[in-house]
């Protein structure tokens, strides 16, 4: 065994293979046998430690870039892949060949994801109830002029307000008491009895209920709620290209069952119907915070798993979300250049952060310490509002959010920060 530059070469690991090679010698080709060697190398213990050190999670991670409002959101699927699939569908349609569809693209349920949908809905209820109770213990502030939120006893002093009148206030925020909607940003969509049925038009938009997009996704994935009935197909939907040739006919939507139980269920599913002043203060705050944080992580994992199969559309210009194979035709988009689109939404495939927005807030290392200042903003970390709320209530910081919250960075004083590079 020889050692060169910290790498150990084992002679026992050298395998020789012999073969014949056709070469031209003079004017006649001849076969000449040649031997090839394959050398296996092993890293030394010092190099192995260096490799493990490189595989450790980073100390700090920057947040995703904020997309400008005067541009369309990037497509989650590469445009070349979308065009390739479109050309294949068009070629099959010209040949009058049915488009091969698998559940749930053909209207049938995926049996493996039905328990996942029920688990996501149960965790969603636990999350809303836990956040409403933790708001009685941990203070949440919201700016009256901009959508920023701060979790802590006192609002921060970072001058990053872009709302109306911010120049008169030197970009300072105008803090007021927050609510559940400041922690969990409500994202709603139209409830459809038959996602493959008639589209929601601008004139018929008031005939459909607006419910949280997570609840609508769970209903279409197999959750049965009497308040929001859904059509369960036994025969698949048939399509040629983009045209549906057999959807099993249009079925009249049954009237939803309304009772006292339905009202209480709506309060558990919707953040608008939930008020923290109606919930009692928890007895064990730390246990509640850990349970709420675990529910939040389970909801995100479950939604990501459901969205890998079920189609969810999002507007490329605004925050509108639609659960179903096609987007609706309601003309309520007021984002960039909506006049060119006659108010219609620019639908594209959605991502998890559009269905359940993380709503990043500044991380407060010491809630009892001084408020955050603008001079030290480069040393502060950020985290989703739910995570920050649960951490300040006593829950342990999840490993995936530690680099984002910059827990390993020591915040210097103002004098030290001035001397930092």
Foldseek 3Di string as FASTA:
>chain_A
DDADPQKDWDPVQKDKDKDWDWDDDDHDIDIDIDIDIDTDIDGHPVVVVVVVVVVDDDLADADDDDDDLQDFADFPDDPVVVVVVLVVLVVQLVVVHWDDDDPPVFPAADVVLLVLLVLLQVLLLLQLQLVLQLCVPWWKKAFPFDLAIATFPDAFQAQCAPGPPSVVVSSGGDIDTDWSCSQWPAAKAWADQELPDDFQAQVNVVVTDIFAPSNSLSVSNHDADQQRHHDHDPDTWIDRRPHTPDDPDDDDDDHGDDDPVVLVVRCSRDRVNDTSVVDDHDPQLLVSLQSNVVSVVSNLVSVQVSCVRFFKKAFRNDLHIYGHPDHHHHQCDPTHPSVVVNSGGHIHTDDSCSSTPQSKYWADPDSPDDHHYNLQVVQAAIGRSSQSSSVVSNYDRDPVCSNRRSPVGDRDDSVVSVVDD
